[in-house]
């Protein structure tokens, strides 16, 4: 089943980022809804992802498993590859992207606090090249 990129219903429902991994676009809300609920309710009521903690977590886990879990580089621990799998062209299409750099700095701070011996692997995202 194909899901349009943005405007599913005639009332101009907006599929901006909601939930713990910021689920976006109708083409993610539709399949997540089918997998989690067995229907297309999240296309009709996307606000449920923001308002219901079980769906906020459920869509985050769904997205990770469906889109990132087996993405090239992610399974090797490449932080850049995870950015590429999530925001591809937005953050990884050009060298030295500010959004990708900002995301990396946050990750480094968290890693330094919780796992200080792990080295960050930035491979997989042009936006992180030459850092």
C-alpha atoms as a PDB file:
ATOM      1  CA  UNK A   1       0.000   0.000   0.000  1.00  0.00           C
ATOM      2  CA  UNK A   2       1.438   3.386  -0.980  1.00  0.00           C
ATOM      3  CA  UNK A   3       1.089   6.351   1.341  1.00  0.00           C
ATOM      4  CA  UNK A   4       1.337   9.922   0.053  1.00  0.00           C
ATOM      5  CA  UNK A   5       4.073  12.211   1.242  1.00  0.00           C
ATOM      6  CA  UNK A   6       2.200  14.604   3.488  1.00  0.00           C
ATOM      7  CA  UNK A   7      -1.465  15.233   2.707  1.00  0.00           C
ATOM      8  CA  UNK A   8      -3.462  12.059   3.274  1.00  0.00           C
ATOM      9  CA  UNK A   9      -6.850  13.423   4.218  1.00  0.00           C
ATOM     10  CA  UNK A  10      -8.831  16.239   2.618  1.00  0.00           C
ATOM     11  CA  UNK A  11      -8.746  18.252   5.848  1.00  0.00           C
ATOM     12  CA  UNK A  12      -5.014  18.780   5.305  1.00  0.00           C
ATOM     13  CA  UNK A  13      -3.770  16.684   8.173  1.00  0.00           C
ATOM     14  CA  UNK A  14      -0.147  17.549   8.819  1.00  0.00           C
ATOM     15  CA  UNK A  15       2.326  14.768   9.530  1.00  0.00           C
ATOM     16  CA  UNK A  16       5.031  16.713  11.346  1.00  0.00           C
ATOM     17  CA  UNK A  17       7.332  15.076  13.887  1.00  0.00           C
ATOM     18  CA  UNK A  18       5.554  13.508  16.840  1.00  0.00           C
ATOM     19  CA  UNK A  19       6.588  10.922  19.420  1.00  0.00           C
ATOM     20  CA  UNK A  20       9.961  10.073  20.913  1.00  0.00           C
ATOM     21  CA  UNK A  21      11.689   9.644  17.545  1.00  0.00           C
ATOM     22  CA  UNK A  22       9.646  12.357  15.814  1.00  0.00           C
ATOM     23  CA  UNK A  23       7.634  10.249  13.367  1.00  0.00           C
ATOM     24  CA  UNK A  24       7.017  12.296  10.194  1.00  0.00           C
ATOM     25  CA  UNK A  25       5.225  11.991   6.843  1.00  0.00           C
ATOM     26  CA  UNK A  26       2.151   9.989   5.914  1.00  0.00           C
ATOM     27  CA  UNK A  27       4.357   7.264   4.440  1.00  0.00           C
ATOM     28  CA  UNK A  28       5.571   6.551   7.999  1.00  0.00           C
ATOM     29  CA  UNK A  29       2.319   7.200   9.890  1.00  0.00           C
ATOM     30  CA  UNK A  30       0.395   4.763   7.656  1.00  0.00           C
ATOM     31  CA  UNK A  31       2.625   1.692   7.993  1.00  0.00           C
ATOM     32  CA  UNK A  32       3.237   2.393  11.700  1.00  0.00           C
ATOM     33  CA  UNK A  33      -0.506   2.561  12.257  1.00  0.00           C
ATOM     34  CA  UNK A  34      -1.093  -0.694  10.395  1.00  0.00           C
ATOM     35  CA  UNK A  35       1.647  -2.486  12.330  1.00  0.00           C
ATOM     36  CA  UNK A  36       0.773  -1.101  15.764  1.00  0.00           C
ATOM     37  CA  UNK A  37      -3.011  -0.776  15.586  1.00  0.00           C
ATOM     38  CA  UNK A  38      -4.068  -2.927  12.650  1.00  0.00           C
ATOM     39  CA  UNK A  39      -5.792   0.050  11.005  1.00  0.00           C
ATOM     40  CA  UNK A  40      -5.016   3.502   9.567  1.00  0.00           C
ATOM     41  CA  UNK A  41      -6.160   5.513  12.580  1.00  0.00           C
ATOM     42  CA  UNK A  42      -2.832   7.352  12.926  1.00  0.00           C
ATOM     43  CA  UNK A  43      -3.300   8.781   9.430  1.00  0.00           C
ATOM     44  CA  UNK A  44      -6.648  10.205  10.506  1.00  0.00           C
ATOM     45  CA  UNK A  45      -5.539  11.168  14.032  1.00  0.00           C
ATOM     46  CA  UNK A  46      -1.747  11.694  13.970  1.00  0.00           C
ATOM     47  CA  UNK A  47      -1.979  13.718  17.189  1.00  0.00           C
ATOM     48  CA  UNK A  48      -2.415  10.416  19.038  1.00  0.00           C
ATOM     49  CA  UNK A  49       1.334   9.836  18.617  1.00  0.00           C
ATOM     50  CA  UNK A  50       2.043  12.985  20.642  1.00  0.00           C
ATOM     51  CA  UNK A  51      -0.768  12.557  23.162  1.00  0.00           C
ATOM     52  CA  UNK A  52      -0.601   8.856  24.039  1.00  0.00           C
ATOM     53  CA  UNK A  53       2.660   7.684  25.647  1.00  0.00           C
ATOM     54  CA  UNK A  54       2.189   4.085  24.480  1.00  0.00           C
ATOM     55  CA  UNK A  55       1.982   5.305  20.880  1.00  0.00           C
ATOM     56  CA  UNK A  56       4.872   7.745  21.379  1.00  0.00           C
ATOM     57  CA  UNK A  57       7.057   4.824  22.440  1.00  0.00           C
ATOM     58  CA  UNK A  58       5.444   2.374  20.038  1.00  0.00           C
ATOM     59  CA  UNK A  59       6.112   4.520  16.983  1.00  0.00           C
ATOM     60  CA  UNK A  60       9.685   5.132  18.157  1.00  0.00           C
ATOM     61  CA  UNK A  61      10.334   1.420  18.438  1.00  0.00           C
ATOM     62  CA  UNK A  62       8.485   0.779  15.167  1.00  0.00           C
ATOM     63  CA  UNK A  63      10.583   3.390  13.335  1.00  0.00           C
ATOM     64  CA  UNK A  64      13.849   2.052  14.743  1.00  0.00           C
ATOM     65  CA  UNK A  65      13.009  -1.509  13.766  1.00  0.00           C
ATOM     66  CA  UNK A  66      11.490  -0.685  10.358  1.00  0.00           C
ATOM     67  CA  UNK A  67      13.891   2.018   9.198  1.00  0.00           C
ATOM     68  CA  UNK A  68      17.138   1.913  11.163  1.00  0.00           C
ATOM     69  CA  UNK A  69      17.749  -1.487  12.700  1.00  0.00           C
ATOM     70  CA  UNK A  70      19.154  -3.035   9.531  1.00  0.00           C
ATOM     71  CA  UNK A  71      20.278   0.137   7.707  1.00  0.00           C
ATOM     72  CA  UNK A  72      23.767  -0.011   6.223  1.00  0.00           C
ATOM     73  CA  UNK A  73      26.339   1.132   8.758  1.00  0.00           C
ATOM     74  CA  UNK A  74      23.918   1.373  11.683  1.00  0.00           C
ATOM     75  CA  UNK A  75      24.526  -2.256  12.594  1.00  0.00           C
ATOM     76  CA  UNK A  76      28.253  -1.435  12.670  1.00  0.00           C
ATOM     77  CA  UNK A  77      27.709   1.359  15.188  1.00  0.00           C
ATOM     78  CA  UNK A  78      28.188   4.228  12.733  1.00  0.00           C
ATOM     79  CA  UNK A  79      26.462   7.274  14.205  1.00  0.00           C
ATOM     80  CA  UNK A  80      26.617   9.034  10.839  1.00  0.00           C
ATOM     81  CA  UNK A  81      24.739   6.147   9.248  1.00  0.00           C
ATOM     82  CA  UNK A  82      21.910   6.521  11.758  1.00  0.00           C
ATOM     83  CA  UNK A  83      21.578  10.224  10.879  1.00  0.00           C
ATOM     84  CA  UNK A  84      21.598   9.286   7.204  1.00  0.00           C
ATOM     85  CA  UNK A  85      18.857   6.679   7.739  1.00  0.00           C
ATOM     86  CA  UNK A  86      16.678   9.223   9.560  1.00  0.00           C
ATOM     87  CA  UNK A  87      17.304  12.524   7.765  1.00  0.00           C
ATOM     88  CA  UNK A  88      19.366  11.517   4.709  1.00  0.00           C
ATOM     89  CA  UNK A  89      19.215  14.398   2.247  1.00  0.00           C
ATOM     90  CA  UNK A  90      18.420  16.977   4.921  1.00  0.00           C
ATOM     91  CA  UNK A  91      21.592  16.406   6.930  1.00  0.00           C
ATOM     92  CA  UNK A  92      23.896  14.118   4.977  1.00  0.00           C
ATOM     93  CA  UNK A  93      23.824  15.362   1.384  1.00  0.00           C
ATOM     94  CA  UNK A  94      26.580  17.945   1.810  1.00  0.00           C
ATOM     95  CA  UNK A  95      29.828  18.074   3.742  1.00  0.00           C
ATOM     96  CA  UNK A  96      29.949  19.834   7.117  1.00  0.00           C
ATOM     97  CA  UNK A  97      26.181  20.229   7.684  1.00  0.00           C
ATOM     98  CA  UNK A  98      25.346  22.293  10.794  1.00  0.00           C
ATOM     99  CA  UNK A  99      22.350  20.151  11.816  1.00  0.00           C
ATOM    100  CA  UNK A 100      24.394  16.962  11.605  1.00  0.00           C
ATOM    101  CA  UNK A 101      27.222  18.597  13.567  1.00  0.00           C
ATOM    102  CA  UNK A 102      24.809  19.757  16.265  1.00  0.00           C
ATOM    103  CA  UNK A 103      23.298  16.263  16.534  1.00  0.00           C
ATOM    104  CA  UNK A 104      26.825  14.820  16.812  1.00  0.00           C
ATOM    105  CA  UNK A 105      27.778  17.214  19.630  1.00  0.00           C
ATOM    106  CA  UNK A 106      24.701  16.220  21.643  1.00  0.00           C
ATOM    107  CA  UNK A 107      25.505  12.552  21.066  1.00  0.00           C
ATOM    108  CA  UNK A 108      29.127  13.064  22.146  1.00  0.00           C
ATOM    109  CA  UNK A 109      28.012  14.743  25.388  1.00  0.00           C
ATOM    110  CA  UNK A 110      25.647  11.889  26.205  1.00  0.00           C
ATOM    111  CA  UNK A 111      28.211   9.279  25.259  1.00  0.00           C
ATOM    112  CA  UNK A 112      30.844  11.023  27.375  1.00  0.00           C
ATOM    113  CA  UNK A 113      28.549  10.904  30.373  1.00  0.00           C
ATOM    114  CA  UNK A 114      27.237   7.357  30.026  1.00  0.00           C
ATOM    115  CA  UNK A 115      29.894   5.490  28.013  1.00  0.00           C
ATOM    116  CA  UNK A 116      33.114   7.553  28.082  1.00  0.00           C
ATOM    117  CA  UNK A 117      35.330   4.796  26.682  1.00  0.00           C
ATOM    118  CA  UNK A 118      33.374   4.426  23.428  1.00  0.00           C
ATOM    119  CA  UNK A 119      34.756   6.304  20.407  1.00  0.00           C
ATOM    120  CA  UNK A 120      32.205   7.945  18.086  1.00  0.00           C
ATOM    121  CA  UNK A 121      32.149   6.582  14.537  1.00  0.00           C
ATOM    122  CA  UNK A 122      30.846   9.356  12.266  1.00  0.00           C
ATOM    123  CA  UNK A 123      30.957   7.270   9.069  1.00  0.00           C
ATOM    124  CA  UNK A 124      27.876   7.188   6.879  1.00  0.00           C
ATOM    125  CA  UNK A 125      26.979  10.894   6.678  1.00  0.00           C
ATOM    126  CA  UNK A 126      28.682  13.484   4.452  1.00  0.00           C
ATOM    127  CA  UNK A 127      27.417  16.150   6.842  1.00  0.00           C
ATOM    128  CA  UNK A 128      29.912  14.861   9.406  1.00  0.00           C
ATOM    129  CA  UNK A 129      32.919  14.640   7.104  1.00  0.00           C
ATOM    130  CA  UNK A 130      36.012  16.654   7.990  1.00  0.00           C
ATOM    131  CA  UNK A 131      35.079  17.044  11.648  1.00  0.00           C
END
